[in-house]
Structure formats: structure tokens, C-alpha cells
């Protein structure tokens, strides 16, 4: 896995936060070798490439599939009563096997031209092993 392939780009992004399916699709599109702009790419091919990247990452135990859920119903307030930001969230892994999780993504993202909003199908979170691999990719890039 090199920093230039889609799965590696997803892992590198996952060092900092959970990664939405919309981000996966975009990051995988950046790894494609041609110069076709993102919005002009063939949707079926981009969906399939995204699913292959997710399958590889899940199969190697580098990411978990799940949802990002709010910990509190409203954002915290500052001393003067103003909202200080979005509500705190946590990653909640799906209680599914890897294969069941991948099938759920395929089932819910059946239309490759569907607009994807962050979180409307799945979130990916690096495992500790995924973080180690991402750091190694990052070190190789800078070393």
C-alpha cells in the first residue's frame, strides 16, 4: 500500500478523524491515474473502486465500519450561554461481521450516482493497526 492508492489515502485521512463514505469516494478518485475531473468520473467505476478500497481495509483489519453518534443532544455551552460548537460525538462500530458490513454498504449505496452526505451510509475508523500502517506510510513519504 502506497500513499498514492485510494486505500492508503483513506487510512491517512483516518489518522485524524472518522472517514465518511463521501470522503472515501473522493479520496479514491484522487488515486485514479487519469486527469478526469472528480465530477466527470464514471460513477459505477468510482463506486466499485471505493468498495474495493473499503474491502481491502476491512479485510486487513485496518478500519472498522460504523456510525458517528452524538454523545449529547445539544452542543456544550460556554459560561455566557452561547453554543461552543457541534455536539460531541463518538464512533460506534456496527455489530456486524466484516462481510455483513460490506454487504450493508453495497445494499445502501446501490445507486453509484447517489449524492453522498457525510454519514448517510457508513463511517470508517482506523483501528490501532490501521493507525500504525498510516504512520508508516506518512513516514515513508517524509523519509
Protein backbone atom coordinates (compact mmCIF):
# COMPACT_ATOMS: atom_id res chain seq x y z
CA UNK A 1 0.00 0.00 0.00
CA UNK A 2 1.47 3.34 -1.04
CA UNK A 3 0.29 6.86 -0.31
CA UNK A 4 -0.87 7.09 -3.93
CA UNK A 5 -3.53 4.41 -3.75
CA UNK A 6 -7.08 5.04 -2.59
CA UNK A 7 -7.00 2.73 0.43
CA UNK A 8 -3.84 4.43 1.71
CA UNK A 9 -5.40 7.87 1.25
CA UNK A 10 -8.37 6.74 3.35
CA UNK A 11 -6.06 5.38 6.07
CA UNK A 12 -4.03 8.60 6.14
CA UNK A 13 -7.21 10.67 6.47
CA UNK A 14 -8.37 8.28 9.22
CA UNK A 15 -5.42 9.29 11.41
CA UNK A 16 -7.29 12.49 12.20
CA UNK A 17 -10.97 11.56 12.27
CA UNK A 18 -13.56 9.04 11.17
CA UNK A 19 -13.94 8.99 7.37
CA UNK A 20 -17.36 9.18 5.69
CA UNK A 21 -18.26 7.23 2.56
CA UNK A 22 -18.41 10.54 0.67
CA UNK A 23 -14.78 11.17 1.67
CA UNK A 24 -13.80 7.62 0.69
CA UNK A 25 -15.23 8.12 -2.79
CA UNK A 26 -13.40 11.44 -3.16
CA UNK A 27 -10.07 10.12 -1.84
CA UNK A 28 -10.26 7.07 -4.11
CA UNK A 29 -10.96 9.36 -7.07
CA UNK A 30 -7.71 11.22 -6.32
CA UNK A 31 -5.80 7.95 -6.64
CA UNK A 32 -7.08 7.25 -10.15
CA UNK A 33 -4.30 7.78 -12.71
CA UNK A 34 -6.21 9.79 -15.32
CA UNK A 35 -6.81 13.52 -15.38
CA UNK A 36 -10.60 13.35 -15.46
CA UNK A 37 -12.12 15.86 -13.00
CA UNK A 38 -13.88 14.30 -9.99
CA UNK A 39 -17.40 15.29 -11.07
CA UNK A 40 -16.87 13.85 -14.56
CA UNK A 41 -15.65 10.42 -13.44
CA UNK A 42 -17.63 7.31 -14.33
CA UNK A 43 -19.86 6.74 -11.27
CA UNK A 44 -20.01 2.93 -11.47
CA UNK A 45 -16.22 2.59 -11.75
CA UNK A 46 -15.69 5.05 -8.89
CA UNK A 47 -18.22 3.18 -6.69
CA UNK A 48 -16.51 -0.14 -7.42
CA UNK A 49 -13.04 1.28 -6.73
CA UNK A 50 -14.31 2.75 -3.44
CA UNK A 51 -15.85 -0.58 -2.42
CA UNK A 52 -12.59 -2.40 -3.26
CA UNK A 53 -10.63 0.04 -1.07
CA UNK A 54 -13.07 -0.44 1.83
CA UNK A 55 -12.99 -4.23 1.37
CA UNK A 56 -9.18 -4.22 1.46
CA UNK A 57 -9.04 -2.04 4.58
CA UNK A 58 -11.69 -4.03 6.44
CA UNK A 59 -10.23 -7.37 5.33
CA UNK A 60 -6.80 -6.45 6.69
CA UNK A 61 -8.24 -5.23 9.99
CA UNK A 62 -7.16 -1.64 9.35
CA UNK A 63 -10.58 0.02 9.73
CA UNK A 64 -13.90 -0.60 11.43
CA UNK A 65 -17.30 0.20 9.91
CA UNK A 66 -19.90 2.05 11.93
CA UNK A 67 -21.74 5.25 12.70
CA UNK A 68 -20.81 8.52 14.33
CA UNK A 69 -23.36 9.31 17.02
CA UNK A 70 -23.87 12.36 19.21
CA UNK A 71 -22.85 11.86 22.83
CA UNK A 72 -25.07 14.75 23.96
CA UNK A 73 -28.27 16.05 22.41
CA UNK A 74 -27.07 19.66 22.24
CA UNK A 75 -23.68 21.29 21.87
CA UNK A 76 -21.94 22.36 25.08
CA UNK A 77 -22.44 25.96 26.19
CA UNK A 78 -19.83 28.45 27.28
CA UNK A 79 -20.12 30.43 30.51
CA UNK A 80 -22.14 33.13 28.74
CA UNK A 81 -24.68 30.57 27.46
CA UNK A 82 -23.53 30.50 23.84
CA UNK A 83 -23.08 27.25 21.99
CA UNK A 84 -19.38 26.42 21.73
CA UNK A 85 -19.57 24.09 18.74
CA UNK A 86 -21.17 20.94 17.48
CA UNK A 87 -22.27 18.29 19.95
CA UNK A 88 -19.57 15.84 21.00
CA UNK A 89 -19.65 12.60 19.03
CA UNK A 90 -18.22 9.11 19.24
CA UNK A 91 -17.68 6.33 16.74
CA UNK A 92 -19.94 3.33 17.27
CA UNK A 93 -18.89 0.16 15.38
CA UNK A 94 -21.61 -1.81 13.66
CA UNK A 95 -22.46 -5.08 15.42
CA UNK A 96 -21.92 -6.95 12.15
CA UNK A 97 -19.27 -9.24 10.73
CA UNK A 98 -16.95 -7.68 8.14
CA UNK A 99 -18.84 -9.39 5.31
CA UNK A 100 -22.23 -8.29 6.68
CA UNK A 101 -20.93 -4.72 6.99
CA UNK A 102 -19.62 -4.70 3.43
CA UNK A 103 -22.92 -6.14 2.18
CA UNK A 104 -24.81 -3.41 4.05
CA UNK A 105 -22.73 -0.73 2.31
CA UNK A 106 -23.34 -2.34 -1.09
CA UNK A 107 -27.08 -2.57 -0.37
CA UNK A 108 -27.43 1.02 0.89
CA UNK A 109 -25.17 2.50 -1.82
CA UNK A 110 -26.76 0.67 -4.73
CA UNK A 111 -27.00 3.81 -6.90
CA UNK A 112 -23.47 4.93 -7.87
CA UNK A 113 -24.79 8.38 -8.80
CA UNK A 114 -26.39 8.92 -5.40
CA UNK A 115 -25.32 12.07 -3.62
CA UNK A 116 -23.42 11.07 -0.52
CA UNK A 117 -23.55 13.23 2.56
CA UNK A 118 -21.17 12.53 5.43
CA UNK A 119 -22.65 9.75 7.49
CA UNK A 120 -25.62 8.79 5.35
CA UNK A 121 -24.30 5.25 4.72
CA UNK A 122 -21.21 4.46 6.80
CA UNK A 123 -18.22 5.88 8.64
CA UNK A 124 -14.80 4.22 8.72
CA UNK A 125 -12.50 4.48 11.70
CA UNK A 126 -8.91 3.31 11.75
CA UNK A 127 -8.03 0.50 14.12
CA UNK A 128 -4.78 0.82 16.08
CA UNK A 129 -3.15 -1.36 13.40
CA UNK A 130 -4.58 0.97 10.74
CA UNK A 131 -3.05 3.96 12.52
CA UNK A 132 0.33 2.18 12.61
CA UNK A 133 0.20 1.45 8.88
CA UNK A 134 -0.86 5.04 8.14
CA UNK A 135 2.02 6.41 10.21
CA UNK A 136 4.44 4.14 8.33
CA UNK A 137 3.09 5.45 5.00
CA UNK A 138 3.42 9.01 6.28
CA UNK A 139 7.00 8.36 7.50
CA UNK A 140 7.96 6.86 4.12
CA UNK A 141 6.58 9.94 2.39
CA UNK A 142 8.72 12.23 4.54
CA UNK A 143 11.73 9.97 4.91
